[in-house]
Amino acid sequence: MIRIFVLILLTLSLCILPVRAQEFYPPDMGDTLVQQLVCRSTAEWTDEGPAYSGATIFSLPESDGRGERLYVAFVVDLWDSNSPAHLWYGPVAHHWSKLGPGPQYRSSYKVKNSPVFRVERRTAAPGGRVQTSTMEIDLTSNPPQLWLIGEESGRPRRLSSQPLGLDVRMTDALRLICRMRLEASSETSSLRLRAFGIDLGRSPVPADRMKVGPWQEGPNSPYLLAVCSKGELGRSGMHFLPPSTWGWTFEKVIHSPSLNDAKGAFQVQMLSRYWGKDAHGHEHELGKRFLVRVDTENMDIKSLAAQLHYDLETNSWSRP
């Protein structure tokens, strides 16, 4: 069974990490589908849909090698920890990628956007060629539909459709996956590191979201660092960093194990943002940097620097 390692927020950790006093209990991540989505799929995330929503596609290789299956995840309201989440089991193609908004999408909270998204489908064609098609995921239909998009008189047009697929029965682990976004990946011939940001949402949701102050808006988000075994998926390690006020940012890989070392460790640099006082007693957004060592069995966290300030010109965090 896959190993899950949880860092419990004890009194000591509250002194080390800029977190709120909120406990997070990771679900059982040992289900085969959960492991495959985390470790083997190509994942893309977007918030270019209805306000406060989030959508993810996973292109997951089939075990028989005949292609990759599309999985579509959708959370109605990421701000709300109790918001409905869905995961659809879609069709197989050569590959699925380039998740983006539907044609009517407008980047404004005043516009009521629909849960419609575009994705690129690649299919095998005669002569060893690969054919690329634009597909439209329409979650407004019942059941949701996957449309082939073509052109008529020089304008995009829906040509044909098929049901998107089965609505997978939700578990706590799948519900969490619907709220994750892949931020970084690194690999050797034996191991693959996957870094996922997570938005747990809030409860209760603020009545007026536009009036939430910067010290209140943090979603208290944990973070997943998965060290995946390519040879034996069940040996993979799922390591959750504790909830941080404004979540975690993956900065870079400091060290990777040797190519064939199946028990080696990755060392990554992580940043946690929070609202606090600087050395002069002024309150504003600050950062704290950590070195995190992870392998298939263990996770260790070491504090590197605190009270970091963000520099807009260099897009970096450092001491003033």
Protein backbone atom coordinates (compact mmCIF):
# COMPACT_ATOMS: atom_id res chain seq x y z
CA MET A 1 0.00 0.00 0.00
CA ILE A 2 1.19 3.46 -0.81
CA ARG A 3 2.87 5.27 2.05
CA ILE A 4 1.31 8.52 3.27
CA PHE A 5 3.29 10.77 5.52
CA VAL A 6 1.59 13.63 7.32
CA LEU A 7 3.32 16.44 9.18
CA ILE A 8 1.16 17.10 12.27
CA LEU A 9 0.97 20.68 13.43
CA LEU A 10 2.24 20.49 16.98
CA THR A 11 3.20 23.42 19.14
CA LEU A 12 6.78 23.30 17.87
CA SER A 13 5.75 23.43 14.22
CA LEU A 14 3.58 26.48 14.87
CA CYS A 15 6.78 28.28 15.88
CA ILE A 16 8.59 27.18 12.72
CA LEU A 17 5.96 27.45 9.99
CA PRO A 18 3.77 30.48 9.18
CA VAL A 19 0.49 28.61 9.50
CA ARG A 20 -2.88 29.14 11.07
CA ALA A 21 -4.10 26.82 13.80
CA GLN A 22 -6.00 24.61 11.36
CA GLU A 23 -5.55 20.87 11.21
CA PHE A 24 -5.50 19.00 7.92
CA TYR A 25 -6.04 15.26 7.80
CA PRO A 26 -5.05 13.87 4.38
CA PRO A 27 -7.36 11.21 2.95
CA ASP A 28 -6.24 7.71 2.03
CA MET A 29 -4.30 8.14 -1.23
CA GLY A 30 -3.81 4.40 -1.77
CA ASP A 31 -6.50 3.95 -4.44
CA THR A 32 -5.04 2.91 -7.83
CA LEU A 33 -6.83 5.67 -9.77
CA VAL A 34 -5.66 8.29 -7.27
CA GLN A 35 -2.05 7.09 -7.58
CA GLN A 36 -2.23 7.07 -11.39
CA LEU A 37 -3.69 10.58 -11.64
CA VAL A 38 -1.05 11.97 -9.29
CA CYS A 39 1.96 10.07 -10.65
CA ARG A 40 1.37 9.16 -14.30
CA SER A 41 -1.01 11.64 -15.88
CA THR A 42 -0.33 14.89 -17.67
CA ALA A 43 -2.39 17.44 -15.72
CA GLU A 44 -3.49 20.95 -16.70
CA TRP A 45 -5.57 23.38 -14.61
CA THR A 46 -7.51 26.56 -15.38
CA ASP A 47 -9.75 29.03 -13.56
CA GLU A 48 -11.00 30.54 -16.84
CA GLY A 49 -14.58 29.45 -16.35
CA PRO A 50 -17.38 30.57 -14.01
CA ALA A 51 -16.22 32.90 -11.24
CA TYR A 52 -14.32 31.14 -8.43
CA SER A 53 -14.45 27.76 -10.19
CA GLY A 54 -11.57 25.51 -11.22
CA ALA A 55 -11.20 22.87 -13.95
CA THR A 56 -8.49 20.27 -14.55
CA ILE A 57 -7.83 17.77 -17.31
CA PHE A 58 -5.75 14.63 -16.81
CA SER A 59 -4.36 12.75 -19.81
CA LEU A 60 -3.69 9.31 -18.35
CA PRO A 61 -1.93 6.54 -20.33
CA GLU A 62 -3.96 3.32 -20.61
CA SER A 63 -2.32 0.18 -19.24
CA ASP A 64 -2.60 -1.58 -22.62
CA GLY A 65 -0.71 1.22 -24.40
CA ARG A 66 -3.54 2.06 -26.80
CA GLY A 67 -3.57 5.74 -25.89
CA GLU A 68 -4.42 8.14 -23.08
CA ARG A 69 -7.78 8.58 -21.38
CA LEU A 70 -9.22 12.00 -20.65
CA TYR A 71 -10.35 12.76 -17.10
CA VAL A 72 -12.06 16.08 -16.41
CA ALA A 73 -12.32 17.52 -12.89
CA PHE A 74 -14.45 20.51 -11.98
CA VAL A 75 -15.05 22.36 -8.71
CA VAL A 76 -17.99 24.75 -8.74
CA ASP A 77 -16.59 27.16 -6.12
CA LEU A 78 -12.98 26.91 -4.92
CA TRP A 79 -13.69 29.43 -2.13
CA ASP A 80 -16.22 27.06 -0.57
CA SER A 81 -14.72 23.99 1.10
CA ASN A 82 -18.10 22.25 0.78
CA SER A 83 -18.61 23.06 -2.91
CA PRO A 84 -19.59 20.19 -5.25
CA ALA A 85 -16.73 18.55 -7.15
CA HIS A 86 -16.95 16.21 -10.15
CA LEU A 87 -14.59 13.92 -12.04
CA TRP A 88 -15.58 12.53 -15.43
CA TYR A 89 -14.07 9.41 -17.03
CA GLY A 90 -13.68 10.41 -20.68
CA PRO A 91 -12.67 8.84 -23.99
CA VAL A 92 -9.25 7.61 -25.17
CA ALA A 93 -7.05 9.40 -27.72
CA HIS A 94 -3.33 9.65 -28.47
CA HIS A 95 -3.06 12.61 -26.05
CA TRP A 96 -5.12 15.44 -24.52
CA SER A 97 -3.66 18.89 -23.81
CA LYS A 98 -3.96 22.69 -24.02
CA LEU A 99 -6.90 23.19 -21.66
CA GLY A 100 -8.36 26.66 -22.10
CA PRO A 101 -11.58 28.68 -21.84
CA GLY A 102 -14.58 28.35 -24.11
CA PRO A 103 -15.13 30.85 -26.95
CA GLN A 104 -17.59 33.00 -24.99
CA TYR A 105 -15.35 33.40 -21.93
CA ARG A 106 -14.78 36.93 -20.63
CA SER A 107 -12.20 37.78 -17.98
CA SER A 108 -14.49 39.63 -15.59
CA TYR A 109 -16.29 38.72 -12.37
CA LYS A 110 -19.24 40.76 -13.66
CA VAL A 111 -19.73 38.32 -16.56
CA LYS A 112 -21.57 35.07 -15.84
CA ASN A 113 -19.31 32.64 -17.68
CA SER A 114 -20.45 29.11 -18.44
CA PRO A 115 -18.50 25.93 -17.58
CA VAL A 116 -17.36 25.40 -21.17
CA PHE A 117 -13.72 24.68 -22.02
CA ARG A 118 -11.56 23.93 -25.04
CA VAL A 119 -8.98 21.15 -25.24
CA GLU A 120 -6.74 19.75 -27.97
CA ARG A 121 -7.15 16.09 -28.92
CA ARG A 122 -4.46 14.18 -30.78
CA THR A 123 -5.41 10.92 -32.51
CA ALA A 124 -3.44 8.40 -34.54
CA ALA A 125 -3.87 8.72 -38.32
CA PRO A 126 -2.83 6.45 -41.22
CA GLY A 127 0.85 6.40 -42.09
CA GLY A 128 1.97 6.91 -38.51
CA ARG A 129 0.75 10.50 -38.53
CA VAL A 130 -0.98 12.27 -35.63
CA GLN A 131 -4.13 14.29 -36.27
CA THR A 132 -4.94 17.28 -34.07
CA SER A 133 -8.52 18.37 -33.36
CA THR A 134 -10.09 21.06 -31.20
CA MET A 135 -12.65 19.70 -28.77
CA GLU A 136 -15.10 21.55 -26.54
CA ILE A 137 -16.04 20.32 -23.06
CA ASP A 138 -19.59 21.46 -22.31
CA LEU A 139 -20.51 20.94 -18.66
CA THR A 140 -23.82 22.80 -19.05
CA SER A 141 -25.36 19.81 -20.84
CA ASN A 142 -26.96 16.90 -19.01
CA PRO A 143 -25.06 14.69 -19.40
CA PRO A 144 -21.92 16.78 -20.16
CA GLN A 145 -20.85 16.63 -23.79
CA LEU A 146 -17.56 16.58 -25.69
CA TRP A 147 -17.91 18.43 -29.02
CA LEU A 148 -15.70 18.26 -32.11
CA ILE A 149 -15.06 21.82 -33.36
CA GLY A 150 -14.62 22.52 -37.06
CA GLU A 151 -15.12 25.43 -39.42
CA GLU A 152 -18.01 26.49 -41.60
CA SER A 153 -17.68 29.57 -43.81
CA GLY A 154 -14.48 30.44 -41.95
CA ARG A 155 -16.12 30.37 -38.52
CA PRO A 156 -15.73 27.81 -35.72
CA ARG A 157 -18.71 25.47 -35.45
CA ARG A 158 -19.72 22.47 -33.40
CA LEU A 159 -19.76 19.44 -35.72
CA SER A 160 -20.57 16.38 -33.63
CA SER A 161 -20.72 15.36 -29.99
CA GLN A 162 -20.42 12.44 -27.64
CA PRO A 163 -21.09 12.12 -23.90
CA LEU A 164 -18.06 13.25 -21.92
CA GLY A 165 -18.22 10.04 -19.90
CA LEU A 166 -19.12 8.60 -16.53
CA ASP A 167 -19.25 10.82 -13.46
CA VAL A 168 -16.79 9.00 -11.18
CA ARG A 169 -18.03 8.27 -7.67
CA MET A 170 -16.37 10.78 -5.37
CA THR A 171 -14.07 9.76 -2.52
CA ASP A 172 -12.23 12.10 -0.16
CA ALA A 173 -9.01 11.55 -2.11
CA LEU A 174 -10.62 12.25 -5.51
CA ARG A 175 -12.35 15.32 -4.08
CA LEU A 176 -8.93 16.59 -2.99
CA ILE A 177 -7.44 15.84 -6.43
CA CYS A 178 -10.16 18.00 -8.02
CA ARG A 179 -8.78 20.91 -5.96
CA MET A 180 -5.12 20.32 -6.90
CA ARG A 181 -3.06 21.93 -9.66
CA LEU A 182 0.24 20.58 -10.93
CA GLU A 183 2.94 23.23 -10.47
CA ALA A 184 6.21 21.37 -11.11
CA SER A 185 7.60 18.01 -12.15
CA SER A 186 11.07 16.49 -12.23
CA GLU A 187 12.21 12.95 -12.89
CA THR A 188 14.99 10.40 -13.20
CA SER A 189 14.86 6.99 -14.85
CA SER A 190 13.52 5.50 -11.58
CA LEU A 191 11.57 8.28 -9.84
CA ARG A 192 9.25 11.14 -10.67
CA LEU A 193 8.65 14.16 -8.43
CA ARG A 194 5.24 15.84 -8.69
CA ALA A 195 4.39 19.11 -6.88
CA PHE A 196 0.73 20.06 -6.47
CA GLY A 197 -0.78 23.22 -5.02
CA ILE A 198 -4.06 22.63 -3.18
CA ASP A 199 -6.94 25.00 -2.43
CA LEU A 200 -9.03 23.61 0.41
CA GLY A 201 -11.50 26.49 0.35
CA ARG A 202 -13.12 28.15 3.35
CA SER A 203 -15.98 27.48 5.70
CA PRO A 204 -17.94 29.62 6.04
CA VAL A 205 -17.47 31.58 2.83
CA PRO A 206 -17.32 35.39 3.37
CA ALA A 207 -20.64 37.04 2.55
CA ASP A 208 -18.89 39.79 0.58
CA ARG A 209 -15.77 38.32 -1.01
CA MET A 210 -14.62 41.65 -2.41
CA LYS A 211 -14.26 43.05 1.12
CA VAL A 212 -12.03 40.29 2.47
CA GLY A 213 -8.82 41.87 3.78
CA PRO A 214 -5.36 40.59 2.82
CA TRP A 215 -4.84 39.09 6.28
CA GLN A 216 -8.12 37.17 5.91
CA GLU A 217 -8.02 35.96 2.33
CA GLY A 218 -5.62 33.06 2.81
CA PRO A 219 -7.25 29.73 1.94
CA ASN A 220 -5.11 27.83 4.48
CA SER A 221 -3.79 25.49 1.81
CA PRO A 222 -1.56 22.44 2.26
CA TYR A 223 0.77 21.21 -0.49
CA LEU A 224 1.49 17.78 -1.96
CA LEU A 225 4.97 16.58 -2.88
CA ALA A 226 4.64 13.13 -4.46
CA VAL A 227 7.70 10.97 -5.07
CA CYS A 228 6.50 8.39 -7.57
CA SER A 229 8.16 5.07 -8.22
CA LYS A 230 8.16 4.30 -11.94
CA GLY A 231 8.82 0.62 -11.38
CA GLU A 232 6.28 0.00 -8.60
CA LEU A 233 3.53 2.57 -8.25
CA GLY A 234 2.51 1.28 -4.83
CA ARG A 235 5.90 2.30 -3.39
CA SER A 236 5.26 5.96 -4.14
CA GLY A 237 5.25 8.45 -1.26
CA MET A 238 2.61 11.16 -0.82
CA HIS A 239 3.96 13.93 1.42
CA PHE A 240 1.69 16.77 2.54
CA LEU A 241 3.14 20.05 3.74
CA PRO A 242 0.88 21.58 6.43
CA PRO A 243 -1.67 24.30 5.60
CA SER A 244 -0.06 27.71 5.19
CA THR A 245 -1.90 31.04 5.34
CA TRP A 246 -1.57 31.81 1.63
CA GLY A 247 -0.43 28.41 0.51
CA TRP A 248 2.96 27.25 -0.75
CA THR A 249 5.02 28.15 -3.81
CA PHE A 250 7.36 25.66 -5.45
CA GLU A 251 10.58 27.54 -6.25
CA LYS A 252 13.08 24.99 -7.60
CA VAL A 253 14.70 21.57 -7.35
CA ILE A 254 17.98 21.85 -5.45
CA HIS A 255 19.07 18.23 -5.84
CA SER A 256 17.88 15.12 -7.70
CA PRO A 257 18.88 11.52 -7.00
CA SER A 258 21.11 9.62 -9.41
CA LEU A 259 19.32 8.22 -12.47
CA ASN A 260 18.90 4.63 -11.31
CA ASP A 261 18.55 5.23 -7.58
CA ALA A 262 15.02 4.03 -6.77
CA LYS A 263 15.46 4.98 -3.10
CA GLY A 264 17.01 8.39 -3.65
CA ALA A 265 15.72 11.76 -2.45
CA PHE A 266 14.78 15.04 -4.08
CA GLN A 267 15.59 18.31 -2.35
CA VAL A 268 13.28 21.19 -3.25
CA GLN A 269 13.09 24.84 -2.24
CA MET A 270 9.64 25.94 -1.11
CA LEU A 271 8.24 29.33 -0.11
CA SER A 272 5.33 30.00 2.23
CA ARG A 273 3.60 33.39 2.11
CA TYR A 274 1.87 34.90 5.12
CA TRP A 275 0.65 38.15 6.64
CA GLY A 276 2.90 39.33 9.46
CA LYS A 277 5.20 41.97 10.92
CA ASP A 278 8.59 42.79 9.47
CA ALA A 279 11.69 43.76 11.47
CA HIS A 280 10.30 47.29 11.87
CA GLY A 281 6.92 46.15 13.17
CA HIS A 282 5.02 46.96 9.95
CA GLU A 283 2.36 44.49 8.84
CA HIS A 284 2.32 43.26 5.25
CA GLU A 285 2.85 40.15 3.14
CA LEU A 286 6.02 38.23 4.01
CA GLY A 287 7.64 35.00 2.90
CA LYS A 288 9.49 32.16 4.57
CA ARG A 289 11.77 29.80 2.65
CA PHE A 290 12.30 26.10 3.35
CA LEU A 291 14.43 23.24 2.11
CA VAL A 292 12.33 20.09 1.83
CA ARG A 293 13.87 16.65 1.37
CA VAL A 294 11.52 13.92 0.11
CA ASP A 295 11.86 10.33 -0.98
CA THR A 296 9.38 7.45 -1.25
CA GLU A 297 9.35 7.01 2.53
CA ASN A 298 10.21 10.22 4.37
CA MET A 299 9.98 14.01 4.35
CA ASP A 300 12.21 16.46 6.23
CA ILE A 301 11.75 20.24 6.39
CA LYS A 302 14.46 22.75 7.22
CA SER A 303 13.91 26.50 7.58
CA LEU A 304 16.28 28.59 5.43
CA ALA A 305 15.14 32.21 5.77
CA ALA A 306 12.29 34.22 7.31
CA GLN A 307 10.67 37.67 6.90
CA LEU A 308 11.40 37.76 3.18
CA HIS A 309 10.04 40.64 1.09
CA TYR A 310 8.76 40.37 -2.47
CA ASP A 311 10.57 42.43 -5.13
CA LEU A 312 8.21 43.22 -8.01
CA GLU A 313 11.03 44.18 -10.39
CA THR A 314 12.95 40.92 -10.01
CA ASN A 315 9.93 38.75 -9.19
CA SER A 316 11.82 37.26 -6.26
CA TRP A 317 11.77 37.02 -2.49
CA SER A 318 14.72 38.25 -0.39
CA ARG A 319 15.65 40.10 2.76
CA PRO A 320 15.49 43.92 2.39
